[in-house]
PDB file of N, CA and C in Angstrom:
ATOM      1  N   UNK A   1    -107.692 148.030-198.035  1.00  0.00           N
ATOM      2  CA  UNK A   1    -107.894 148.084-196.511  1.00  0.00           C
ATOM      3  C   UNK A   1    -108.925 147.209-196.086  1.00  0.00           C
ATOM      4  N   UNK A   2    -110.219 147.097-196.864  1.00  0.00           N
ATOM      5  CA  UNK A   2    -111.182 146.428-196.279  1.00  0.00           C
ATOM      6  C   UNK A   2    -110.844 144.788-195.832  1.00  0.00           C
ATOM      7  N   UNK A   3    -109.960 144.494-196.872  1.00  0.00           N
ATOM      8  CA  UNK A   3    -109.224 142.945-196.797  1.00  0.00           C
ATOM      9  C   UNK A   3    -108.799 142.782-195.509  1.00  0.00           C
ATOM     10  N   UNK A   4    -107.712 143.771-195.316  1.00  0.00           N
ATOM     11  CA  UNK A   4    -106.866 143.762-193.879  1.00  0.00           C
ATOM     12  C   UNK A   4    -107.879 143.733-192.738  1.00  0.00           C
ATOM     13  N   UNK A   5    -109.084 144.545-192.724  1.00  0.00           N
ATOM     14  CA  UNK A   5    -109.650 144.481-191.665  1.00  0.00           C
ATOM     15  C   UNK A   5    -110.626 143.446-191.435  1.00  0.00           C
ATOM     16  N   UNK A   6    -110.691 142.628-192.410  1.00  0.00           N
ATOM     17  CA  UNK A   6    -111.634 141.496-192.108  1.00  0.00           C
ATOM     18  C   UNK A   6    -110.818 140.143-191.978  1.00  0.00           C
ATOM     19  N   UNK A   7    -109.559 140.241-192.460  1.00  0.00           N
ATOM     20  CA  UNK A   7    -108.647 139.134-192.761  1.00  0.00           C
ATOM     21  C   UNK A   7    -107.857 139.087-191.662  1.00  0.00           C
ATOM     22  N   UNK A   8    -107.232 140.278-190.746  1.00  0.00           N
ATOM     23  CA  UNK A   8    -106.509 140.223-189.786  1.00  0.00           C
ATOM     24  C   UNK A   8    -107.139 139.559-188.485  1.00  0.00           C
ATOM     25  N   UNK A   9    -108.424 139.830-188.114  1.00  0.00           N
ATOM     26  CA  UNK A   9    -108.911 139.291-186.873  1.00  0.00           C
ATOM     27  C   UNK A   9    -109.321 137.862-187.043  1.00  0.00           C
ATOM     28  N   UNK A  10    -109.211 137.120-188.301  1.00  0.00           N
ATOM     29  CA  UNK A  10    -109.305 135.789-188.599  1.00  0.00           C
ATOM     30  C   UNK A  10    -107.966 135.205-188.111  1.00  0.00           C
ATOM     31  N   UNK A  11    -107.070 135.767-188.792  1.00  0.00           N
ATOM     32  CA  UNK A  11    -105.638 135.220-188.439  1.00  0.00           C
ATOM     33  C   UNK A  11    -105.356 135.437-187.164  1.00  0.00           C
ATOM     34  N   UNK A  12    -105.694 136.571-186.227  1.00  0.00           N
ATOM     35  CA  UNK A  12    -105.436 136.671-184.771  1.00  0.00           C
ATOM     36  C   UNK A  12    -106.222 135.477-183.995  1.00  0.00           C
ATOM     37  N   UNK A  13    -107.562 135.196-184.310  1.00  0.00           N
ATOM     38  CA  UNK A  13    -108.310 134.269-183.791  1.00  0.00           C
ATOM     39  C   UNK A  13    -107.499 132.786-183.963  1.00  0.00           C
ATOM     40  N   UNK A  14    -107.119 132.559-185.236  1.00  0.00           N
ATOM     41  CA  UNK A  14    -106.368 131.391-185.569  1.00  0.00           C
ATOM     42  C   UNK A  14    -105.151 131.160-184.791  1.00  0.00           C
ATOM     43  N   UNK A  15    -104.346 132.136-184.536  1.00  0.00           N
ATOM     44  CA  UNK A  15    -102.989 132.102-183.799  1.00  0.00           C
ATOM     45  C   UNK A  15    -103.430 131.907-182.354  1.00  0.00           C
ATOM     46  N   UNK A  16    -104.684 132.345-181.697  1.00  0.00           N
ATOM     47  CA  UNK A  16    -105.191 132.481-180.341  1.00  0.00           C
ATOM     48  C   UNK A  16    -105.404 130.994-180.257  1.00  0.00           C
ATOM     49  N   UNK A  17    -106.312 130.165-181.287  1.00  0.00           N
ATOM     50  CA  UNK A  17    -106.680 129.073-181.070  1.00  0.00           C
ATOM     51  C   UNK A  17    -105.516 128.013-180.800  1.00  0.00           C
ATOM     52  N   UNK A  18    -104.335 128.244-181.852  1.00  0.00           N
ATOM     53  CA  UNK A  18    -103.218 127.207-181.935  1.00  0.00           C
ATOM     54  C   UNK A  18    -102.804 127.496-180.725  1.00  0.00           C
ATOM     55  N   UNK A  19    -102.462 128.565-180.105  1.00  0.00           N
ATOM     56  CA  UNK A  19    -101.578 128.935-178.970  1.00  0.00           C
ATOM     57  C   UNK A  19    -102.520 128.114-177.597  1.00  0.00           C
ATOM     58  N   UNK A  20    -103.731 128.185-177.631  1.00  0.00           N
ATOM     59  CA  UNK A  20    -104.399 127.532-176.790  1.00  0.00           C
ATOM     60  C   UNK A  20    -104.358 126.317-176.705  1.00  0.00           C
ATOM     61  N   UNK A  21    -104.550 125.447-177.981  1.00  0.00           N
ATOM     62  CA  UNK A  21    -104.265 123.948-178.162  1.00  0.00           C
ATOM     63  C   UNK A  21    -102.812 123.877-177.809  1.00  0.00           C
ATOM     64  N   UNK A  22    -101.923 124.200-178.201  1.00  0.00           N
ATOM     65  CA  UNK A  22    -100.334 123.912-177.739  1.00  0.00           C
ATOM     66  C   UNK A  22    -100.403 124.018-176.233  1.00  0.00           C
ATOM     67  N   UNK A  23    -100.866 125.104-175.547  1.00  0.00           N
ATOM     68  CA  UNK A  23    -100.834 125.082-173.914  1.00  0.00           C
ATOM     69  C   UNK A  23    -101.673 124.073-173.388  1.00  0.00           C
ATOM     70  N   UNK A  24    -102.712 123.722-173.947  1.00  0.00           N
ATOM     71  CA  UNK A  24    -103.639 122.346-173.598  1.00  0.00           C
ATOM     72  C   UNK A  24    -102.634 121.196-173.586  1.00  0.00           C
ATOM     73  N   UNK A  25    -101.875 120.882-174.714  1.00  0.00           N
ATOM     74  CA  UNK A  25    -101.140 119.688-174.754  1.00  0.00           C
ATOM     75  C   UNK A  25     -99.766 119.821-173.990  1.00  0.00           C
ATOM     76  N   UNK A  26     -99.226 120.995-173.742  1.00  0.00           N
ATOM     77  CA  UNK A  26     -98.225 121.022-172.920  1.00  0.00           C
ATOM     78  C   UNK A  26     -98.655 120.771-171.622  1.00  0.00           C
ATOM     79  N   UNK A  27     -99.924 121.494-171.054  1.00  0.00           N
ATOM     80  CA  UNK A  27    -100.174 121.110-169.823  1.00  0.00           C
ATOM     81  C   UNK A  27    -100.511 119.424-169.432  1.00  0.00           C
ATOM     82  N   UNK A  28    -101.306 118.885-170.510  1.00  0.00           N
ATOM     83  CA  UNK A  28    -101.368 117.277-170.414  1.00  0.00           C
ATOM     84  C   UNK A  28    -100.032 116.591-170.368  1.00  0.00           C
ATOM     85  N   UNK A  29     -99.045 116.979-171.046  1.00  0.00           N
ATOM     86  CA  UNK A  29     -97.729 116.396-171.049  1.00  0.00           C
ATOM     87  C   UNK A  29     -97.016 116.364-169.822  1.00  0.00           C
ATOM     88  N   UNK A  30     -97.321 117.628-169.183  1.00  0.00           N
ATOM     89  CA  UNK A  30     -96.518 118.112-167.693  1.00  0.00           C
ATOM     90  C   UNK A  30     -97.328 117.108-166.703  1.00  0.00           C
ATOM     91  N   UNK A  31     -98.297 116.908-166.813  1.00  0.00           N
ATOM     92  CA  UNK A  31     -99.121 116.363-165.775  1.00  0.00           C
ATOM     93  C   UNK A  31     -98.767 114.742-165.994  1.00  0.00           C
ATOM     94  N   UNK A  32     -98.628 114.185-167.043  1.00  0.00           N
ATOM     95  CA  UNK A  32     -98.156 112.867-167.259  1.00  0.00           C
ATOM     96  C   UNK A  32     -96.867 112.814-166.714  1.00  0.00           C
ATOM     97  N   UNK A  33     -95.978 113.644-166.960  1.00  0.00           N
ATOM     98  CA  UNK A  33     -94.636 113.696-166.425  1.00  0.00           C
ATOM     99  C   UNK A  33     -94.611 113.677-164.875  1.00  0.00           C
ATOM    100  N   UNK A  34     -95.304 114.566-164.380  1.00  0.00           N
ATOM    101  CA  UNK A  34     -95.437 114.703-162.947  1.00  0.00           C
ATOM    102  C   UNK A  34     -95.578 113.227-162.221  1.00  0.00           C
ATOM    103  N   UNK A  35     -96.829 112.821-162.957  1.00  0.00           N
ATOM    104  CA  UNK A  35     -97.335 111.388-162.688  1.00  0.00           C
ATOM    105  C   UNK A  35     -96.016 110.160-162.445  1.00  0.00           C
ATOM    106  N   UNK A  36     -95.482 110.536-163.460  1.00  0.00           N
ATOM    107  CA  UNK A  36     -94.216 109.343-163.735  1.00  0.00           C
ATOM    108  C   UNK A  36     -93.426 109.614-162.723  1.00  0.00           C
ATOM    109  N   UNK A  37     -92.921 111.009-162.547  1.00  0.00           N
ATOM    110  CA  UNK A  37     -92.037 111.426-161.636  1.00  0.00           C
ATOM    111  C   UNK A  37     -92.668 111.016-159.889  1.00  0.00           C
ATOM    112  N   UNK A  38     -93.760 111.025-159.819  1.00  0.00           N
ATOM    113  CA  UNK A  38     -94.234 110.894-158.311  1.00  0.00           C
ATOM    114  C   UNK A  38     -94.311 109.292-158.238  1.00  0.00           C
ATOM    115  N   UNK A  39     -94.377 108.429-159.023  1.00  0.00           N
ATOM    116  CA  UNK A  39     -94.128 106.960-159.221  1.00  0.00           C
ATOM    117  C   UNK A  39     -92.738 106.665-158.717  1.00  0.00           C
ATOM    118  N   UNK A  40     -91.865 107.227-159.614  1.00  0.00           N
ATOM    119  CA  UNK A  40     -90.299 107.114-159.245  1.00  0.00           C
ATOM    120  C   UNK A  40     -90.271 107.303-158.020  1.00  0.00           C
ATOM    121  N   UNK A  41     -90.404 108.495-157.423  1.00  0.00           N
ATOM    122  CA  UNK A  41     -90.171 108.902-156.168  1.00  0.00           C
ATOM    123  C   UNK A  41     -90.788 107.975-154.929  1.00  0.00           C
ATOM    124  N   UNK A  42     -91.816 107.523-155.318  1.00  0.00           N
ATOM    125  CA  UNK A  42     -92.581 106.513-154.393  1.00  0.00           C
ATOM    126  C   UNK A  42     -91.658 105.173-154.317  1.00  0.00           C
ATOM    127  N   UNK A  43     -91.335 104.724-155.520  1.00  0.00           N
ATOM    128  CA  UNK A  43     -90.438 103.600-155.567  1.00  0.00           C
ATOM    129  C   UNK A  43     -89.111 103.702-155.006  1.00  0.00           C
ATOM    130  N   UNK A  44     -88.628 104.845-154.940  1.00  0.00           N
ATOM    131  CA  UNK A  44     -87.304 105.154-154.394  1.00  0.00           C
ATOM    132  C   UNK A  44     -87.380 105.198-152.819  1.00  0.00           C
ATOM    133  N   UNK A  45     -88.795 105.711-152.477  1.00  0.00           N
ATOM    134  CA  UNK A  45     -88.808 105.799-151.125  1.00  0.00           C
ATOM    135  C   UNK A  45     -89.110 104.501-150.468  1.00  0.00           C
ATOM    136  N   UNK A  46     -89.787 103.634-151.267  1.00  0.00           N
ATOM    137  CA  UNK A  46     -90.071 102.359-150.642  1.00  0.00           C
ATOM    138  C   UNK A  46     -88.669 101.374-150.584  1.00  0.00           C
ATOM    139  N   UNK A  47     -88.029 101.615-151.607  1.00  0.00           N
ATOM    140  CA  UNK A  47     -86.431 101.139-151.445  1.00  0.00           C
ATOM    141  C   UNK A  47     -85.998 101.396-150.159  1.00  0.00           C
ATOM    142  N   UNK A  48     -85.870 102.850-150.094  1.00  0.00           N
ATOM    143  CA  UNK A  48     -84.984 103.438-148.889  1.00  0.00           C
ATOM    144  C   UNK A  48     -85.665 103.019-147.816  1.00  0.00           C
ATOM    145  N   UNK A  49     -86.874 102.948-147.352  1.00  0.00           N
ATOM    146  CA  UNK A  49     -87.473 102.550-146.312  1.00  0.00           C
ATOM    147  C   UNK A  49     -87.059 101.056-145.879  1.00  0.00           C
ATOM    148  N   UNK A  50     -86.920  99.902-147.117  1.00  0.00           N
ATOM    149  CA  UNK A  50     -86.696  98.881-146.973  1.00  0.00           C
ATOM    150  C   UNK A  50     -85.474  98.451-146.260  1.00  0.00           C
ATOM    151  N   UNK A  51     -84.455  99.391-146.774  1.00  0.00           N
ATOM    152  CA  UNK A  51     -82.830  99.478-146.248  1.00  0.00           C
ATOM    153  C   UNK A  51     -82.747 100.048-144.856  1.00  0.00           C
ATOM    154  N   UNK A  52     -83.747 100.753-144.415  1.00  0.00           N
ATOM    155  CA  UNK A  52     -83.932 101.634-143.109  1.00  0.00           C
ATOM    156  C   UNK A  52     -83.183 100.611-141.980  1.00  0.00           C
ATOM    157  N   UNK A  53     -83.871  98.987-141.884  1.00  0.00           N
ATOM    158  CA  UNK A  53     -83.237  98.195-140.841  1.00  0.00           C
ATOM    159  C   UNK A  53     -81.906  98.111-141.083  1.00  0.00           C
ATOM    160  N   UNK A  54     -81.428  97.940-142.247  1.00  0.00           N
ATOM    161  CA  UNK A  54     -80.022  97.664-142.220  1.00  0.00           C
ATOM    162  C   UNK A  54     -79.086  98.931-141.817  1.00  0.00           C
ATOM    163  N   UNK A  55     -79.681 100.068-142.305  1.00  0.00           N
ATOM    164  CA  UNK A  55     -78.946 101.254-141.616  1.00  0.00           C
ATOM    165  C   UNK A  55     -78.933 101.473-140.143  1.00  0.00           C
ATOM    166  N   UNK A  56     -80.057 101.016-139.571  1.00  0.00           N
ATOM    167  CA  UNK A  56     -80.185 101.160-138.164  1.00  0.00           C
ATOM    168  C   UNK A  56     -79.034  99.943-137.414  1.00  0.00           C
ATOM    169  N   UNK A  57     -78.944  98.812-138.142  1.00  0.00           N
ATOM    170  CA  UNK A  57     -78.107  97.810-137.534  1.00  0.00           C
ATOM    171  C   UNK A  57     -76.615  98.389-137.520  1.00  0.00           C
ATOM    172  N   UNK A  58     -76.492  98.997-138.650  1.00  0.00           N
ATOM    173  CA  UNK A  58     -74.965  99.853-139.034  1.00  0.00           C
ATOM    174  C   UNK A  58     -74.701 100.720-137.997  1.00  0.00           C
ATOM    175  N   UNK A  59     -75.816 101.553-137.749  1.00  0.00           N
ATOM    176  CA  UNK A  59     -75.553 102.616-136.645  1.00  0.00           C
ATOM    177  C   UNK A  59     -75.318 102.027-135.283  1.00  0.00           C
ATOM    178  N   UNK A  60     -76.303 101.018-135.334  1.00  0.00           N
ATOM    179  CA  UNK A  60     -75.926 100.483-133.663  1.00  0.00           C
ATOM    180  C   UNK A  60     -74.901  99.754-133.400  1.00  0.00           C
ATOM    181  N   UNK A  61     -73.920  99.094-134.548  1.00  0.00           N
ATOM    182  CA  UNK A  61     -72.760  98.492-134.433  1.00  0.00           C
ATOM    183  C   UNK A  61     -71.548  99.583-134.370  1.00  0.00           C
ATOM    184  N   UNK A  62     -71.992 100.659-135.265  1.00  0.00           N
ATOM    185  CA  UNK A  62     -70.822 101.760-135.125  1.00  0.00           C
ATOM    186  C   UNK A  62     -70.590 102.274-133.865  1.00  0.00           C
ATOM    187  N   UNK A  63     -71.845 102.687-133.456  1.00  0.00           N
ATOM    188  CA  UNK A  63     -71.808 103.366-131.776  1.00  0.00           C
ATOM    189  C   UNK A  63     -71.236 102.424-130.804  1.00  0.00           C
ATOM    190  N   UNK A  64     -71.387 101.033-130.888  1.00  0.00           N
ATOM    191  CA  UNK A  64     -70.911 100.033-129.892  1.00  0.00           C
ATOM    192  C   UNK A  64     -69.336  99.996-130.195  1.00  0.00           C
ATOM    193  N   UNK A  65     -68.918 100.088-131.407  1.00  0.00           N
ATOM    194  CA  UNK A  65     -67.308 100.020-131.535  1.00  0.00           C
ATOM    195  C   UNK A  65     -66.905 101.406-131.211  1.00  0.00           C
ATOM    196  N   UNK A  66     -67.416 102.429-131.346  1.00  0.00           N
ATOM    197  CA  UNK A  66     -66.869 103.868-130.835  1.00  0.00           C
ATOM    198  C   UNK A  66     -66.919 103.704-129.414  1.00  0.00           C
ATOM    199  N   UNK A  67     -67.862 103.090-128.677  1.00  0.00           N
ATOM    200  CA  UNK A  67     -67.732 103.037-127.231  1.00  0.00           C
ATOM    201  C   UNK A  67     -66.859 102.229-126.743  1.00  0.00           C
ATOM    202  N   UNK A  68     -66.630 101.148-127.315  1.00  0.00           N
ATOM    203  CA  UNK A  68     -65.506 100.205-127.063  1.00  0.00           C
ATOM    204  C   UNK A  68     -64.252 100.903-127.072  1.00  0.00           C
ATOM    205  N   UNK A  69     -63.843 101.418-128.349  1.00  0.00           N
ATOM    206  CA  UNK A  69     -62.590 101.972-128.516  1.00  0.00           C
ATOM    207  C   UNK A  69     -62.489 103.346-127.621  1.00  0.00           C
ATOM    208  N   UNK A  70     -63.359 103.835-127.229  1.00  0.00           N
ATOM    209  CA  UNK A  70     -63.326 104.882-126.242  1.00  0.00           C
ATOM    210  C   UNK A  70     -62.980 104.517-124.666  1.00  0.00           C
ATOM    211  N   UNK A  71     -63.300 103.312-124.334  1.00  0.00           N
ATOM    212  CA  UNK A  71     -63.128 102.474-123.112  1.00  0.00           C
ATOM    213  C   UNK A  71     -61.459 102.218-123.294  1.00  0.00           C
ATOM    214  N   UNK A  72     -61.127 101.791-124.394  1.00  0.00           N
ATOM    215  CA  UNK A  72     -59.866 101.263-124.728  1.00  0.00           C
ATOM    216  C   UNK A  72     -58.880 102.588-124.482  1.00  0.00           C
ATOM    217  N   UNK A  73     -59.094 103.430-125.348  1.00  0.00           N
ATOM    218  CA  UNK A  73     -58.440 104.523-125.224  1.00  0.00           C
ATOM    219  C   UNK A  73     -58.340 105.312-123.655  1.00  0.00           C
ATOM    220  N   UNK A  74     -59.343 105.337-123.078  1.00  0.00           N
ATOM    221  CA  UNK A  74     -59.182 105.834-121.602  1.00  0.00           C
ATOM    222  C   UNK A  74     -58.487 104.955-120.818  1.00  0.00           C
ATOM    223  N   UNK A  75     -58.626 103.630-121.017  1.00  0.00           N
ATOM    224  CA  UNK A  75     -57.619 102.758-120.270  1.00  0.00           C
ATOM    225  C   UNK A  75     -56.130 102.962-120.361  1.00  0.00           C
ATOM    226  N   UNK A  76     -55.928 102.829-121.750  1.00  0.00           N
ATOM    227  CA  UNK A  76     -54.543 103.026-122.076  1.00  0.00           C
ATOM    228  C   UNK A  76     -53.902 104.475-121.549  1.00  0.00           C
ATOM    229  N   UNK A  77     -54.792 105.397-121.740  1.00  0.00           N
ATOM    230  CA  UNK A  77     -54.297 106.755-121.455  1.00  0.00           C
ATOM    231  C   UNK A  77     -54.337 106.906-119.826  1.00  0.00           C
ATOM    232  N   UNK A  78     -55.046 106.256-119.274  1.00  0.00           N
ATOM    233  CA  UNK A  78     -54.852 106.135-117.634  1.00  0.00           C
ATOM    234  C   UNK A  78     -53.702 105.384-117.237  1.00  0.00           C
ATOM    235  N   UNK A  79     -53.596 104.354-117.845  1.00  0.00           N
ATOM    236  CA  UNK A  79     -52.058 103.411-117.627  1.00  0.00           C
ATOM    237  C   UNK A  79     -50.932 104.517-117.790  1.00  0.00           C
ATOM    238  N   UNK A  80     -50.865 105.096-118.986  1.00  0.00           N
ATOM    239  CA  UNK A  80     -49.741 105.808-119.260  1.00  0.00           C
ATOM    240  C   UNK A  80     -49.632 107.074-118.258  1.00  0.00           C
ATOM    241  N   UNK A  81     -50.894 107.697-118.054  1.00  0.00           N
ATOM    242  CA  UNK A  81     -50.750 108.625-117.015  1.00  0.00           C
ATOM    243  C   UNK A  81     -50.510 108.431-115.684  1.00  0.00           C
ATOM    244  N   UNK A  82     -50.672 107.118-115.247  1.00  0.00           N
ATOM    245  CA  UNK A  82     -50.260 106.587-113.831  1.00  0.00           C
ATOM    246  C   UNK A  82     -48.789 106.404-113.933  1.00  0.00           C
ATOM    247  N   UNK A  83     -48.333 105.916-114.941  1.00  0.00           N
ATOM    248  CA  UNK A  83     -46.834 105.622-115.248  1.00  0.00           C
ATOM    249  C   UNK A  83     -46.169 106.775-115.015  1.00  0.00           C
ATOM    250  N   UNK A  84     -46.656 107.985-115.866  1.00  0.00           N
ATOM    251  CA  UNK A  84     -45.851 109.166-115.830  1.00  0.00           C
ATOM    252  C   UNK A  84     -45.973 110.001-114.483  1.00  0.00           C
ATOM    253  N   UNK A  85     -47.044 110.090-113.812  1.00  0.00           N
ATOM    254  CA  UNK A  85     -47.230 110.853-112.572  1.00  0.00           C
ATOM    255  C   UNK A  85     -46.603 110.099-111.604  1.00  0.00           C
ATOM    256  N   UNK A  86     -46.251 108.764-111.478  1.00  0.00           N
ATOM    257  CA  UNK A  86     -45.878 108.048-110.634  1.00  0.00           C
ATOM    258  C   UNK A  86     -44.224 108.190-110.542  1.00  0.00           C
ATOM    259  N   UNK A  87     -43.698 108.300-111.918  1.00  0.00           N
ATOM    260  CA  UNK A  87     -42.244 108.488-112.447  1.00  0.00           C
ATOM    261  C   UNK A  87     -42.035 110.300-111.945  1.00  0.00           C
ATOM    262  N   UNK A  88     -42.881 111.029-112.199  1.00  0.00           N
ATOM    263  CA  UNK A  88     -42.916 112.349-111.810  1.00  0.00           C
ATOM    264  C   UNK A  88     -42.723 112.648-110.465  1.00  0.00           C
ATOM    265  N   UNK A  89     -43.709 111.719-109.632  1.00  0.00           N
ATOM    266  CA  UNK A  89     -43.614 112.201-108.081  1.00  0.00           C
ATOM    267  C   UNK A  89     -42.336 111.558-107.645  1.00  0.00           C
ATOM    268  N   UNK A  90     -41.764 110.251-108.086  1.00  0.00           N
ATOM    269  CA  UNK A  90     -40.479 110.008-107.816  1.00  0.00           C
ATOM    270  C   UNK A  90     -39.213 110.872-107.877  1.00  0.00           C
ATOM    271  N   UNK A  91     -39.457 111.487-109.117  1.00  0.00           N
ATOM    272  CA  UNK A  91     -38.346 112.497-109.440  1.00  0.00           C
ATOM    273  C   UNK A  91     -38.456 113.632-108.453  1.00  0.00           C
ATOM    274  N   UNK A  92     -39.768 114.037-107.880  1.00  0.00           N
ATOM    275  CA  UNK A  92     -39.912 115.152-107.181  1.00  0.00           C
ATOM    276  C   UNK A  92     -39.156 114.597-105.918  1.00  0.00           C
ATOM    277  N   UNK A  93     -39.505 113.584-105.342  1.00  0.00           N
ATOM    278  CA  UNK A  93     -39.289 113.091-104.030  1.00  0.00           C
ATOM    279  C   UNK A  93     -37.759 113.115-104.234  1.00  0.00           C
ATOM    280  N   UNK A  94     -36.960 112.630-105.174  1.00  0.00           N
ATOM    281  CA  UNK A  94     -35.639 112.400-105.307  1.00  0.00           C
ATOM    282  C   UNK A  94     -35.102 113.990-105.321  1.00  0.00           C
ATOM    283  N   UNK A  95     -35.623 114.681-105.912  1.00  0.00           N
ATOM    284  CA  UNK A  95     -35.018 116.282-105.853  1.00  0.00           C
ATOM    285  C   UNK A  95     -35.341 116.948-104.493  1.00  0.00           C
ATOM    286  N   UNK A  96     -36.304 116.686-103.610  1.00  0.00           N
ATOM    287  CA  UNK A  96     -36.530 117.246-102.352  1.00  0.00           C
ATOM    288  C   UNK A  96     -35.694 116.472-101.586  1.00  0.00           C
ATOM    289  N   UNK A  97     -35.645 115.242-101.856  1.00  0.00           N
ATOM    290  CA  UNK A  97     -34.285 114.549-100.883  1.00  0.00           C
ATOM    291  C   UNK A  97     -32.809 114.975-100.944  1.00  0.00           C
ATOM    292  N   UNK A  98     -32.379 115.322-102.135  1.00  0.00           N
ATOM    293  CA  UNK A  98     -31.297 116.000-102.590  1.00  0.00           C
ATOM    294  C   UNK A  98     -31.169 117.180-102.011  1.00  0.00           C
ATOM    295  N   UNK A  99     -32.286 118.039-101.944  1.00  0.00           N
ATOM    296  CA  UNK A  99     -32.297 119.409-101.549  1.00  0.00           C
ATOM    297  C   UNK A  99     -32.117 119.234-100.016  1.00  0.00           C
ATOM    298  N   UNK A 100     -32.616 118.618 -99.199  1.00  0.00           N
ATOM    299  CA  UNK A 100     -32.663 118.136 -97.925  1.00  0.00           C
ATOM    300  C   UNK A 100     -31.122 117.697 -97.435  1.00  0.00           C
ATOM    301  N   UNK A 101     -30.589 116.878 -98.128  1.00  0.00           N
ATOM    302  CA  UNK A 101     -29.203 116.497 -97.899  1.00  0.00           C
ATOM    303  C   UNK A 101     -27.995 117.513 -98.104  1.00  0.00           C
ATOM    304  N   UNK A 102     -28.502 118.312 -99.052  1.00  0.00           N
ATOM    305  CA  UNK A 102     -27.460 119.683 -99.226  1.00  0.00           C
ATOM    306  C   UNK A 102     -27.384 120.410 -98.093  1.00  0.00           C
ATOM    307  N   UNK A 103     -28.346 120.689 -97.395  1.00  0.00           N
ATOM    308  CA  UNK A 103     -28.463 121.564 -96.215  1.00  0.00           C
ATOM    309  C   UNK A 103     -27.730 121.216 -95.157  1.00  0.00           C
TER     310      UNK A 103
END
């Protein structure tokens, strides 16, 4: 029994020291990994910012194309609207003339 009472604390202390060393190694490796990830993120951020001007040009171009197509659609719909409204007014005038002649 004396053997276990003197030997068991030594085993427990050795296991605690091993766990502490493994924890320190894992922390050091995680710090290195975080630094590598930070470098990659900074690199990607620099590349995205270099493409920012291209995206601004594309955005400006699409805005201009959209406004041009909106004007074209408004013009075409206005022309068709005038044609159909004029035709509708002519039909209404013809109908009112026929009613007046029937009386």
